[in-house]
C-alpha atoms as a PDB file:
ATOM      1  CA  MET A   1       0.000   0.000   0.000  1.00  0.00           C
ATOM      2  CA  PRO A   2       1.474   3.405  -0.962  1.00  0.00           C
ATOM      3  CA  PHE A   3       1.930   6.225   1.537  1.00  0.00           C
ATOM      4  CA  ASN A   4      -1.291   8.181   2.105  1.00  0.00           C
ATOM      5  CA  PRO A   5      -0.648  11.673   3.597  1.00  0.00           C
ATOM      6  CA  SER A   6      -4.194  11.900   4.981  1.00  0.00           C
ATOM      7  CA  MET A   7      -3.416   8.947   7.283  1.00  0.00           C
ATOM      8  CA  ASP A   8      -0.296  10.619   8.743  1.00  0.00           C
ATOM      9  CA  LYS A   9      -1.018  12.635  11.906  1.00  0.00           C
ATOM     10  CA  GLU A  10       1.486  15.147  13.278  1.00  0.00           C
ATOM     11  CA  LEU A  11       1.179  15.072  17.073  1.00  0.00           C
ATOM     12  CA  PHE A  12       4.047  17.432  17.955  1.00  0.00           C
ATOM     13  CA  SER A  13       6.396  19.734  16.076  1.00  0.00           C
ATOM     14  CA  LYS A  14       8.984  22.310  17.118  1.00  0.00           C
ATOM     15  CA  ALA A  15      11.842  23.869  15.180  1.00  0.00           C
ATOM     16  CA  LEU A  16      15.339  25.035  16.030  1.00  0.00           C
ATOM     17  CA  ASP A  17      16.297  28.034  13.892  1.00  0.00           C
ATOM     18  CA  THR A  18      19.910  28.087  12.688  1.00  0.00           C
ATOM     19  CA  GLU A  19      21.980  30.357  10.426  1.00  0.00           C
ATOM     20  CA  SER A  20      21.473  28.117   7.426  1.00  0.00           C
ATOM     21  CA  GLY A  21      17.832  27.129   8.056  1.00  0.00           C
ATOM     22  CA  LYS A  22      16.161  25.054  10.717  1.00  0.00           C
ATOM     23  CA  ILE A  23      15.999  21.609  12.275  1.00  0.00           C
ATOM     24  CA  VAL A  24      12.486  20.307  12.911  1.00  0.00           C
ATOM     25  CA  VAL A  25      11.732  17.714  15.605  1.00  0.00           C
ATOM     26  CA  SER A  26       8.285  16.148  15.327  1.00  0.00           C
ATOM     27  CA  VAL A  27       6.210  13.152  16.399  1.00  0.00           C
ATOM     28  CA  HIS A  28       3.960  11.403  13.869  1.00  0.00           C
ATOM     29  CA  SER A  29       1.517   8.515  13.891  1.00  0.00           C
ATOM     30  CA  TYR A  30       0.647   6.798  10.611  1.00  0.00           C
ATOM     31  CA  ASN A  31      -2.715   5.009  10.346  1.00  0.00           C
ATOM     32  CA  ASN A  32      -3.138   5.155  14.167  1.00  0.00           C
ATOM     33  CA  GLY A  33       0.094   3.176  14.523  1.00  0.00           C
ATOM     34  CA  PRO A  34       2.839   3.776  17.097  1.00  0.00           C
ATOM     35  CA  ASN A  35       4.107   7.322  17.596  1.00  0.00           C
ATOM     36  CA  LYS A  36       7.485   7.890  15.950  1.00  0.00           C
ATOM     37  CA  LEU A  37      10.075  10.647  16.263  1.00  0.00           C
ATOM     38  CA  GLN A  38      11.142  12.452  13.090  1.00  0.00           C
ATOM     39  CA  ILE A  39      14.050  14.892  12.753  1.00  0.00           C
ATOM     40  CA  THR A  40      14.424  16.866   9.518  1.00  0.00           C
ATOM     41  CA  ARG A  41      16.520  19.730   8.208  1.00  0.00           C
ATOM     42  CA  GLU A  42      15.331  22.638   6.079  1.00  0.00           C
ATOM     43  CA  ILE A  43      17.921  24.878   4.423  1.00  0.00           C
ATOM     44  CA  LYS A  44      17.622  28.411   3.085  1.00  0.00           C
ATOM     45  CA  ASP A  45      18.341  29.159  -0.544  1.00  0.00           C
ATOM     46  CA  ARG A  46      19.774  32.478  -1.780  1.00  0.00           C
ATOM     47  CA  GLU A  47      16.347  34.112  -1.626  1.00  0.00           C
ATOM     48  CA  GLY A  48      15.765  32.891   1.943  1.00  0.00           C
ATOM     49  CA  ASN A  49      13.162  30.249   1.020  1.00  0.00           C
ATOM     50  CA  LEU A  50      13.290  27.005   3.002  1.00  0.00           C
ATOM     51  CA  SER A  51      13.503  23.603   1.329  1.00  0.00           C
ATOM     52  CA  PHE A  52      13.851  20.056   2.664  1.00  0.00           C
ATOM     53  CA  ALA A  53      17.367  18.617   2.920  1.00  0.00           C
ATOM     54  CA  LYS A  54      18.859  15.389   4.221  1.00  0.00           C
ATOM     55  CA  LEU A  55      19.545  15.756   7.953  1.00  0.00           C
ATOM     56  CA  GLY A  56      23.032  14.276   7.737  1.00  0.00           C
ATOM     57  CA  ARG A  57      25.447  15.256  10.478  1.00  0.00           C
ATOM     58  CA  LEU A  58      24.772  17.796  13.212  1.00  0.00           C
ATOM     59  CA  SER A  59      27.253  20.302  14.582  1.00  0.00           C
ATOM     60  CA  LYS A  60      27.720  20.379  18.344  1.00  0.00           C
ATOM     61  CA  GLU A  61      25.640  23.574  18.541  1.00  0.00           C
ATOM     62  CA  GLU A  62      22.826  22.020  16.487  1.00  0.00           C
ATOM     63  CA  ALA A  63      22.824  18.870  18.619  1.00  0.00           C
ATOM     64  CA  GLU A  64      22.781  20.884  21.857  1.00  0.00           C
ATOM     65  CA  GLY A  65      19.916  23.016  20.527  1.00  0.00           C
ATOM     66  CA  ALA A  66      17.910  20.006  19.340  1.00  0.00           C
ATOM     67  CA  MET A  67      18.247  17.990  22.579  1.00  0.00           C
ATOM     68  CA  PRO A  68      15.585  19.942  24.535  1.00  0.00           C
ATOM     69  CA  LEU A  69      13.217  19.601  21.567  1.00  0.00           C
ATOM     70  CA  ILE A  70      13.847  15.845  21.406  1.00  0.00           C
ATOM     71  CA  LYS A  71      13.207  15.513  25.155  1.00  0.00           C
ATOM     72  CA  GLU A  72       9.946  17.448  24.791  1.00  0.00           C
ATOM     73  CA  ALA A  73       8.952  15.299  21.808  1.00  0.00           C
ATOM     74  CA  LEU A  74       9.561  12.139  23.852  1.00  0.00           C
ATOM     75  CA  LEU A  75       7.020  13.371  26.401  1.00  0.00           C
ATOM     76  CA  ASN A  76       4.471  13.486  23.566  1.00  0.00           C
ATOM     77  CA  MET A  77       5.062   9.893  22.477  1.00  0.00           C
END
């Protein structure tokens, strides 16, 4: 069965703003299944518009900034 966006529920979402964009920590449940943590990165282009990018590696500052968001997300799981 293909992914159906209408069956995906976002239960929590907070973002950490950085120089180059933001890191988003969220909790989702698909088709009333188990809650799952998702961490994504959005980067700014030359015009300042955000677009999705592979999370990849985090700098120490990014990791330290994301930790409180991850802890808060865990309380919502």
